N, C-alpha and C. Protein backbone atom coordinates (compact mmCIF):
# COMPACT_ATOMS: atom_id res chain seq x y z
N MET A 1 15.66 15.60 -9.22
CA MET A 1 14.70 14.57 -8.84
C MET A 1 15.14 12.80 -9.27
N SER A 2 15.99 12.37 -8.31
CA SER A 2 16.39 10.90 -9.42
C SER A 2 15.32 10.14 -9.70
N ALA A 3 15.69 9.74 -11.09
CA ALA A 3 14.91 8.78 -12.58
C ALA A 3 14.09 7.83 -11.39
N LEU A 4 12.70 6.90 -12.01
CA LEU A 4 11.92 5.91 -11.56
C LEU A 4 13.32 5.25 -12.47
N HIS A 5 12.57 3.42 -11.66
CA HIS A 5 13.46 2.41 -11.89
C HIS A 5 12.67 0.75 -10.92
N VAL A 6 12.42 0.10 -11.67
CA VAL A 6 10.83 -1.16 -11.61
C VAL A 6 12.49 -1.90 -11.29
N ILE A 7 11.51 -2.66 -10.01
CA ILE A 7 12.09 -4.03 -8.95
C ILE A 7 11.05 -4.21 -8.99
N GLU A 8 11.13 -5.96 -9.23
CA GLU A 8 10.24 -6.98 -8.60
C GLU A 8 9.87 -7.79 -7.24
N LEU A 9 9.79 -7.78 -6.41
CA LEU A 9 9.80 -8.02 -4.57
C LEU A 9 9.14 -9.60 -5.20
N PHE A 10 8.66 -10.47 -3.90
CA PHE A 10 8.00 -11.66 -4.20
C PHE A 10 7.21 -11.05 -3.80
N ALA A 11 5.32 -11.09 -3.94
CA ALA A 11 4.31 -10.60 -2.45
C ALA A 11 3.87 -11.91 -2.11
N GLY A 12 3.92 -12.88 -2.35
CA GLY A 12 3.19 -14.52 -1.91
C GLY A 12 3.34 -15.59 -3.40
N THR A 13 2.68 -16.81 -2.86
CA THR A 13 2.40 -17.34 -3.57
C THR A 13 0.80 -17.59 -3.81
N ASN A 14 0.37 -18.47 -5.27
CA ASN A 14 -0.54 -18.33 -5.93
C ASN A 14 -1.78 -19.88 -5.32
N PRO A 15 -2.24 -19.90 -4.98
CA PRO A 15 -3.18 -20.94 -5.12
C PRO A 15 -3.30 -22.30 -5.77
N ASP A 16 -1.85 -21.73 -6.46
CA ASP A 16 -1.21 -23.68 -7.52
C ASP A 16 0.60 -23.64 -7.08
N GLY A 17 0.48 -22.55 -5.80
CA GLY A 17 1.54 -22.81 -5.37
C GLY A 17 2.66 -22.40 -6.47
N GLU A 18 2.63 -21.55 -7.40
CA GLU A 18 3.00 -20.39 -7.69
C GLU A 18 3.57 -19.15 -6.91
N ALA A 19 4.80 -18.55 -7.30
CA ALA A 19 5.65 -17.74 -7.06
C ALA A 19 4.65 -16.35 -7.06
N VAL A 20 4.18 -15.21 -7.22
CA VAL A 20 3.80 -14.48 -7.32
C VAL A 20 5.15 -13.08 -6.73
N ILE A 21 5.44 -12.29 -7.56
CA ILE A 21 6.03 -11.19 -8.38
C ILE A 21 5.56 -9.73 -8.13
N GLU A 22 5.57 -8.94 -7.65
CA GLU A 22 4.86 -7.11 -8.08
C GLU A 22 6.73 -6.18 -8.48
N GLN A 23 5.27 -6.44 -9.87
CA GLN A 23 6.98 -4.75 -10.86
C GLN A 23 6.60 -3.42 -9.52
N LEU A 24 7.36 -3.21 -8.60
CA LEU A 24 7.83 -2.00 -7.88
C LEU A 24 7.60 -0.79 -8.47
N GLN A 25 7.36 0.86 -8.95
CA GLN A 25 7.91 2.06 -9.22
C GLN A 25 8.35 2.30 -7.77
N VAL A 26 9.99 2.79 -7.71
CA VAL A 26 11.32 2.82 -6.88
C VAL A 26 12.33 4.47 -7.94
N ARG A 27 12.89 4.45 -6.42
CA ARG A 27 13.12 5.56 -6.92
C ARG A 27 14.71 5.03 -5.63
N ILE A 28 16.35 5.37 -5.98
CA ILE A 28 17.43 4.48 -5.65
C ILE A 28 17.69 5.69 -5.06
N ASN A 29 17.95 5.81 -4.05
CA ASN A 29 18.50 6.51 -2.92
C ASN A 29 20.20 6.87 -2.73
N GLU A 30 20.50 7.07 -2.26
CA GLU A 30 22.48 7.83 -2.96
C GLU A 30 22.46 6.31 -1.88
N ASP A 31 22.14 5.72 -0.78
CA ASP A 31 22.92 4.52 0.26
C ASP A 31 22.52 3.79 -0.41
N ASN A 32 21.79 3.34 -2.44
CA ASN A 32 21.53 2.48 -3.09
C ASN A 32 20.14 1.95 -2.12
N ASN A 33 19.73 1.70 -1.47
CA ASN A 33 18.46 1.46 -1.14
C ASN A 33 17.27 2.18 -2.46
N TYR A 34 15.82 2.25 -1.67
CA TYR A 34 15.14 2.28 -2.34
C TYR A 34 13.89 2.58 -2.07
N GLN A 35 12.97 3.93 -2.13
CA GLN A 35 12.03 4.43 -1.90
C GLN A 35 11.56 4.40 -2.39
N LEU A 36 10.01 3.58 -2.54
CA LEU A 36 8.65 3.58 -3.11
C LEU A 36 7.79 4.60 -3.51
N VAL A 37 7.64 4.66 -4.14
CA VAL A 37 7.07 6.01 -5.52
C VAL A 37 4.88 5.63 -5.71
N ARG A 38 4.62 4.70 -4.70
CA ARG A 38 3.97 3.97 -4.86
C ARG A 38 3.44 2.55 -4.12
N SER A 39 2.32 2.67 -3.29
CA SER A 39 1.78 1.56 -2.37
C SER A 39 1.84 0.02 -3.49
N PRO A 40 2.53 -1.02 -2.82
CA PRO A 40 1.82 -1.91 -3.28
C PRO A 40 0.87 -3.01 -3.43
N ALA A 41 -0.01 -3.58 -4.43
CA ALA A 41 -1.82 -4.56 -4.00
C ALA A 41 -1.46 -5.73 -4.02
N PHE A 42 -0.30 -6.13 -3.93
CA PHE A 42 0.05 -7.27 -3.05
C PHE A 42 0.99 -7.31 -1.72
N ILE A 43 1.58 -6.56 -2.64
CA ILE A 43 3.09 -7.31 -1.38
C ILE A 43 2.63 -6.49 0.03
N HIS A 44 3.58 -6.75 1.38
CA HIS A 44 1.92 -6.62 2.53
C HIS A 44 3.90 -5.46 3.45
N GLY A 45 2.92 -4.50 3.60
CA GLY A 45 3.96 -4.01 4.35
C GLY A 45 4.65 -3.11 4.34
N ILE A 46 4.81 -2.57 3.17
CA ILE A 46 5.04 -0.59 3.15
C ILE A 46 4.01 -1.08 2.18
N ALA A 47 4.41 0.87 2.50
CA ALA A 47 3.85 1.99 1.23
C ALA A 47 4.88 2.58 0.46
N CYS A 48 3.27 3.70 0.34
CA CYS A 48 4.35 4.70 -0.89
C CYS A 48 5.21 5.83 0.60
N GLY A 49 5.95 5.54 -0.34
CA GLY A 49 7.78 6.50 0.58
C GLY A 49 8.56 6.33 0.89
N ASP A 50 7.98 4.67 1.18
CA ASP A 50 8.81 3.90 2.76
C ASP A 50 10.51 3.47 1.97
N THR A 51 11.26 3.39 3.26
CA THR A 51 12.55 3.77 2.13
C THR A 51 12.73 1.77 2.66
N ILE A 52 13.06 0.36 1.78
CA ILE A 52 13.83 -0.30 1.43
C ILE A 52 15.18 -1.10 2.01
N ALA A 53 15.20 -2.32 1.44
CA ALA A 53 16.80 -2.23 0.67
C ALA A 53 15.29 -3.70 0.88
N VAL A 54 16.84 -4.20 -0.34
CA VAL A 54 17.12 -5.20 -1.21
C VAL A 54 18.06 -6.13 -2.02
N GLU A 55 18.60 -6.92 -1.64
CA GLU A 55 19.73 -7.52 -1.50
C GLU A 55 19.91 -7.49 -3.13
N GLU A 56 21.13 -7.94 -3.76
CA GLU A 56 20.88 -8.35 -5.28
C GLU A 56 20.84 -9.42 -5.15
N GLY A 57 20.19 -9.75 -7.25
CA GLY A 57 19.18 -11.04 -7.59
C GLY A 57 18.38 -11.73 -6.27
N GLN A 58 17.76 -11.47 -4.92
CA GLN A 58 16.98 -11.53 -4.61
C GLN A 58 15.05 -10.81 -4.28
N LYS A 59 14.73 -10.50 -4.27
CA LYS A 59 13.41 -10.90 -4.41
C LYS A 59 12.08 -9.94 -2.89
N ARG A 60 12.91 -9.96 -1.48
CA ARG A 60 12.53 -9.94 -0.36
C ARG A 60 12.96 -8.33 -0.86
N PHE A 61 12.30 -8.01 0.92
CA PHE A 61 12.78 -7.02 1.14
C PHE A 61 13.68 -6.93 2.33
N LYS A 62 13.74 -5.40 3.18
CA LYS A 62 14.46 -5.24 4.58
C LYS A 62 13.41 -3.75 4.87
N LEU A 63 11.84 -3.30 5.65
CA LEU A 63 11.81 -2.15 5.82
C LEU A 63 12.15 -1.87 6.53
N LEU A 64 13.64 -0.68 5.64
CA LEU A 64 13.88 0.31 6.45
C LEU A 64 13.41 1.72 7.51
N LYS A 65 12.28 2.28 6.43
CA LYS A 65 12.60 3.33 7.26
C LYS A 65 10.54 3.70 7.09
N HIS A 66 9.70 3.84 7.95
CA HIS A 66 7.78 4.05 7.60
C HIS A 66 8.24 5.86 7.24
N SER A 67 7.00 6.48 5.90
CA SER A 67 7.06 7.08 5.29
C SER A 67 5.45 7.76 6.44
N GLY A 68 5.05 6.92 6.47
CA GLY A 68 4.30 7.05 7.55
C GLY A 68 2.23 6.63 7.32
N ASN A 69 2.85 6.81 5.80
CA ASN A 69 2.31 6.56 4.98
C ASN A 69 0.77 4.48 5.41
N LEU A 70 0.01 5.29 4.17
CA LEU A 70 -1.40 3.38 4.46
C LEU A 70 -1.30 3.49 3.43
N ALA A 71 -1.79 1.81 3.36
CA ALA A 71 -1.61 1.60 1.88
C ALA A 71 -2.64 0.55 1.94
N ILE A 72 -4.30 1.23 1.60
CA ILE A 72 -5.11 0.65 1.51
C ILE A 72 -5.29 -0.01 0.38
N ARG A 73 -5.94 -1.19 -0.19
CA ARG A 73 -6.04 -1.65 -1.08
C ARG A 73 -7.84 -2.08 -1.23
N VAL A 74 -7.87 -2.30 -1.78
CA VAL A 74 -9.60 -2.56 -2.60
C VAL A 74 -10.00 -3.19 -3.72
N PHE A 75 -10.84 -4.22 -2.92
CA PHE A 75 -10.61 -4.86 -4.56
C PHE A 75 -12.34 -5.26 -5.05
N CYS A 76 -12.36 -5.98 -6.67
CA CYS A 76 -13.66 -5.42 -6.72
C CYS A 76 -14.21 -6.95 -7.45
N ARG A 77 -15.51 -6.69 -7.56
CA ARG A 77 -15.47 -8.56 -8.51
C ARG A 77 -15.52 -7.53 -9.66
N GLY A 78 -16.71 -6.46 -10.05
CA GLY A 78 -16.59 -5.68 -10.94
C GLY A 78 -15.92 -4.84 -11.25
N ASP A 79 -15.90 -3.24 -12.40
CA ASP A 79 -15.39 -2.90 -13.27
C ASP A 79 -15.31 -1.88 -11.47
N SER A 80 -13.85 -1.93 -11.06
CA SER A 80 -13.44 -0.47 -10.56
C SER A 80 -13.57 0.46 -11.14
N ALA A 81 -14.34 0.90 -11.75
CA ALA A 81 -14.53 2.59 -12.17
C ALA A 81 -15.37 3.36 -11.95
N ALA A 82 -16.58 2.71 -11.66
CA ALA A 82 -17.69 4.01 -10.38
C ALA A 82 -16.78 4.48 -9.28
N LEU A 83 -16.58 3.28 -8.40
CA LEU A 83 -15.67 3.13 -7.14
C LEU A 83 -14.55 4.10 -6.99
N ALA A 84 -13.27 4.01 -7.59
CA ALA A 84 -12.85 4.93 -7.42
C ALA A 84 -13.41 7.46 -8.36
N ASP A 85 -14.39 6.58 -9.19
CA ASP A 85 -14.83 8.23 -9.08
C ASP A 85 -16.37 7.83 -7.22
N GLN A 86 -15.97 7.97 -6.30
CA GLN A 86 -16.85 7.59 -5.65
C GLN A 86 -15.62 7.77 -4.71
N LEU A 87 -14.68 6.80 -4.52
CA LEU A 87 -14.02 6.77 -3.11
C LEU A 87 -12.62 8.33 -3.50
N THR A 88 -11.88 8.23 -4.68
CA THR A 88 -10.88 9.19 -4.80
C THR A 88 -10.97 10.38 -4.60
N PRO A 89 -12.29 11.24 -4.74
CA PRO A 89 -11.75 12.31 -4.51
C PRO A 89 -12.96 12.28 -3.15
N ARG A 90 -12.90 11.98 -2.60
CA ARG A 90 -12.86 12.08 -1.07
C ARG A 90 -11.67 11.70 -0.13
N LEU A 91 -10.03 10.91 -0.50
CA LEU A 91 -9.69 10.22 0.11
C LEU A 91 -8.61 11.58 -0.69
N GLU A 92 -8.48 11.63 -1.76
CA GLU A 92 -7.74 12.90 -1.76
C GLU A 92 -8.31 14.06 -0.57
N LYS A 93 -9.21 14.00 -0.07
CA LYS A 93 -9.78 15.60 0.11
C LYS A 93 -8.83 15.48 1.74
N LEU A 94 -8.61 14.22 1.51
CA LEU A 94 -7.41 13.47 2.48
C LEU A 94 -6.31 14.01 2.85
N GLY A 95 -5.84 14.49 1.40
CA GLY A 95 -4.27 13.97 0.97
C GLY A 95 -4.06 12.82 0.81
N GLY A 96 -4.44 11.66 0.21
CA GLY A 96 -4.91 10.76 -0.19
C GLY A 96 -4.25 10.99 -2.17
N ALA A 97 -4.21 9.44 -2.29
CA ALA A 97 -3.78 9.24 -3.91
C ALA A 97 -3.53 8.25 -3.90
N LEU A 98 -4.39 8.11 -5.19
CA LEU A 98 -4.94 6.65 -6.29
C LEU A 98 -3.53 6.46 -7.08
N ASP A 99 -3.39 5.77 -6.25
CA ASP A 99 -1.88 5.09 -7.22
C ASP A 99 -1.80 4.05 -8.55
N THR A 100 -2.55 2.97 -7.66
CA THR A 100 -3.01 2.08 -8.82
C THR A 100 -3.93 1.95 -9.30
N GLU A 101 -5.26 1.69 -9.83
CA GLU A 101 -6.11 1.68 -11.06
C GLU A 101 -5.87 0.59 -12.11
N THR A 102 -6.86 -0.82 -11.60
CA THR A 102 -6.66 -1.04 -12.13
C THR A 102 -8.29 -2.47 -12.69
N PRO A 103 -9.14 -2.74 -13.92
CA PRO A 103 -9.57 -2.70 -13.56
C PRO A 103 -10.41 -3.66 -12.49
N HIS A 104 -9.86 -4.48 -11.62
CA HIS A 104 -10.59 -4.57 -10.83
C HIS A 104 -9.67 -4.82 -9.25
N ILE A 105 -8.41 -3.58 -9.26
CA ILE A 105 -8.22 -3.57 -8.26
C ILE A 105 -7.70 -1.53 -7.61
N LEU A 106 -7.97 -1.25 -6.63
CA LEU A 106 -7.61 0.94 -7.02
C LEU A 106 -6.49 0.44 -4.62
N VAL A 107 -5.53 0.62 -5.32
CA VAL A 107 -4.56 1.41 -4.18
C VAL A 107 -4.78 2.74 -4.15
N TYR A 108 -4.16 2.87 -2.43
CA TYR A 108 -4.41 4.72 -2.46
C TYR A 108 -3.29 4.56 -1.08
N SER A 109 -3.13 5.44 -1.02
CA SER A 109 -2.05 5.24 -0.18
C SER A 109 -1.83 7.28 0.22
N ILE A 110 -2.19 7.03 2.07
CA ILE A 110 -3.08 8.17 2.35
C ILE A 110 -2.31 9.01 4.00
N HIS A 111 -1.72 9.23 4.37
CA HIS A 111 -0.82 9.42 5.58
C HIS A 111 -1.65 9.07 7.01
N VAL A 112 -1.93 7.86 7.64
CA VAL A 112 -1.71 7.91 8.82
C VAL A 112 -2.40 9.06 10.17
N SER A 113 -2.22 10.17 9.34
CA SER A 113 -2.30 11.54 10.71
C SER A 113 -3.92 11.80 10.24
N CYS A 114 -4.27 11.89 9.16
CA CYS A 114 -5.72 11.43 8.32
C CYS A 114 -6.56 11.09 9.64
N GLY A 115 -5.57 9.91 10.09
CA GLY A 115 -6.95 9.72 11.25
C GLY A 115 -7.83 8.58 10.66
N PHE A 116 -7.60 6.94 11.24
CA PHE A 116 -8.17 5.70 10.79
C PHE A 116 -9.60 5.54 11.02
N THR A 117 -9.72 6.66 11.81
CA THR A 117 -11.92 6.49 12.30
C THR A 117 -12.32 7.15 10.76
N ALA A 118 -11.71 8.01 9.98
CA ALA A 118 -12.25 9.66 9.35
C ALA A 118 -11.49 8.56 7.67
N ILE A 119 -10.24 7.49 8.27
CA ILE A 119 -10.40 6.65 6.31
C ILE A 119 -11.13 5.42 6.71
N GLU A 120 -11.18 5.56 7.20
CA GLU A 120 -12.16 3.96 7.71
C GLU A 120 -13.86 3.90 7.44
N LYS A 121 -14.37 5.29 7.90
CA LYS A 121 -15.93 6.00 7.19
C LYS A 121 -15.39 6.14 5.64
N ILE A 122 -14.56 6.32 5.45
CA ILE A 122 -14.74 6.40 3.31
C ILE A 122 -14.61 5.74 2.83
N LEU A 123 -14.08 4.75 2.76
CA LEU A 123 -13.72 2.92 3.14
C LEU A 123 -15.68 2.48 2.91
N ASN A 124 -16.23 2.34 4.37
CA ASN A 124 -16.62 1.48 4.54
C ASN A 124 -18.20 1.58 4.04
N SER A 125 -18.43 3.51 3.82
CA SER A 125 -19.28 3.98 3.48
C SER A 125 -19.61 2.88 1.15
N ALA A 126 -18.09 2.81 0.75
CA ALA A 126 -18.60 2.96 -0.91
C ALA A 126 -18.02 1.38 -0.73
N CYS A 127 -17.61 0.60 -0.06
CA CYS A 127 -17.30 -1.16 0.03
C CYS A 127 -18.38 -1.24 0.94
N ASP A 128 -19.38 -2.91 0.23
CA ASP A 128 -20.01 -3.43 0.57
C ASP A 128 -19.82 -4.57 0.71
N GLY A 129 -18.65 -4.93 0.48
CA GLY A 129 -18.42 -6.48 1.35
C GLY A 129 -18.71 -7.65 0.40
N ALA A 130 -18.98 -7.03 -0.65
CA ALA A 130 -19.37 -8.33 -1.69
C ALA A 130 -19.79 -8.13 -3.01
N LYS A 131 -19.49 -6.68 -3.80
CA LYS A 131 -19.07 -6.47 -4.43
C LYS A 131 -17.67 -6.22 -4.14
N SER A 132 -16.92 -4.97 -3.30
CA SER A 132 -16.19 -4.09 -2.83
C SER A 132 -15.98 -5.24 -1.97
N VAL A 133 -14.17 -4.91 -1.21
CA VAL A 133 -13.55 -4.57 0.69
C VAL A 133 -12.35 -4.05 -0.28
N TRP A 134 -12.47 -3.94 1.09
CA TRP A 134 -10.50 -2.73 1.49
C TRP A 134 -9.91 -3.80 1.79
N TYR A 135 -8.05 -3.14 2.87
CA TYR A 135 -7.69 -4.38 3.90
C TYR A 135 -6.71 -2.74 3.47
N TYR A 136 -6.42 -2.35 5.08
CA TYR A 136 -4.84 -1.87 4.81
C TYR A 136 -3.77 -3.18 4.53
N GLY A 137 -2.74 -2.65 3.40
CA GLY A 137 -1.91 -2.82 2.95
C GLY A 137 -0.48 -3.78 4.41
N ASN A 138 -0.31 -2.60 5.27
CA ASN A 138 0.41 -1.87 5.91
C ASN A 138 0.70 -1.97 7.38
N ILE A 139 0.25 -2.46 7.87
CA ILE A 139 -0.59 -2.51 9.67
C ILE A 139 -0.47 -3.62 9.82
N TYR A 140 -0.31 -4.50 9.73
CA TYR A 140 -1.10 -5.80 10.05
C TYR A 140 0.89 -6.79 9.46
N ASP A 141 0.41 -7.27 11.04
CA ASP A 141 1.83 -8.78 11.21
C ASP A 141 1.30 -9.32 9.61
N SER A 142 2.27 -9.76 8.88
CA SER A 142 1.60 -10.75 7.62
C SER A 142 1.83 -12.37 8.01
N ASP A 143 2.34 -12.32 8.41
CA ASP A 143 1.97 -13.71 9.61
C ASP A 143 0.71 -14.02 9.91
N ASP A 144 0.87 -13.18 10.02
CA ASP A 144 -1.47 -13.27 10.94
C ASP A 144 -2.76 -12.97 10.79
N GLY A 145 -1.86 -11.21 10.04
CA GLY A 145 -3.00 -10.89 9.09
C GLY A 145 -3.08 -9.83 10.25
N ARG A 146 -3.54 -10.13 11.36
CA ARG A 146 -4.10 -9.70 12.82
C ARG A 146 -3.83 -9.02 13.95
N THR A 147 -2.26 -9.20 14.34
CA THR A 147 -1.76 -7.69 14.62
C THR A 147 -1.35 -7.12 14.19
N PRO A 148 -0.83 -5.52 14.64
CA PRO A 148 -1.20 -4.35 14.46
C PRO A 148 0.61 -4.64 14.68
N LEU A 149 0.93 -3.99 13.36
CA LEU A 149 3.02 -3.65 14.10
C LEU A 149 2.74 -2.09 14.79
N ASN A 150 2.01 -1.76 15.19
CA ASN A 150 1.85 -0.76 15.50
C ASN A 150 3.05 0.33 15.17
N TRP A 151 3.58 0.80 13.90
CA TRP A 151 4.95 1.64 13.41
C TRP A 151 3.96 3.18 13.75
N TRP A 152 2.31 3.17 13.15
CA TRP A 152 2.71 4.45 13.74
C TRP A 152 2.36 5.57 14.60
N LEU A 153 2.52 4.13 15.49
CA LEU A 153 2.95 5.11 17.33
C LEU A 153 3.57 6.11 16.71
N ASP A 154 4.80 6.07 16.81
CA ASP A 154 5.87 7.14 16.99
C ASP A 154 5.39 8.30 16.01
N ILE A 155 4.46 8.32 15.48
CA ILE A 155 5.02 8.85 14.18
C ILE A 155 3.62 9.99 14.95
N LEU A 156 2.45 10.16 14.94
CA LEU A 156 1.66 10.22 15.43
C LEU A 156 1.22 10.72 16.88
N LYS A 157 2.68 9.60 17.41
CA LYS A 157 3.43 10.55 19.30
C LYS A 157 3.35 12.43 19.17
N PRO A 158 2.94 13.06 20.06
CA PRO A 158 2.44 14.69 19.79
C PRO A 158 4.63 15.07 20.23
N GLU A 159 4.67 15.94 19.80
CA GLU A 159 6.62 16.60 21.15
C GLU A 159 6.32 17.20 21.56
């Protein structure tokens, strides 16, 4: 198994107009592309297991292959520990994993085959919309935040 490396990618701009850079753990593939080890907290369009290309010296990526994982980001006004205690075992039962836990952010990866309905039922039962909210990180177009990317249709297609 290849060693883990850290890359930096552009995640957007903050309210002051400054660039936000997120560090991501990756494995370097034989073709010098990267496979994400965890889903990002702020970068849209990618999740754990996805394969990306990054141009030398650039902080932008091109998605090469979806892994089938959904990136789920949970933001909390207070400490996220109690919410993690509630969500993590339920998402793990579906095969999900907690990729990142900070005092105000939880990031999960879970395969799309677990079903949007089952995943959303768990998240909606735990996140109240006031103290905590959740978002998918890789299913909507990053330009408008509403248009589904539909990358999962081929993955879920019966053979």
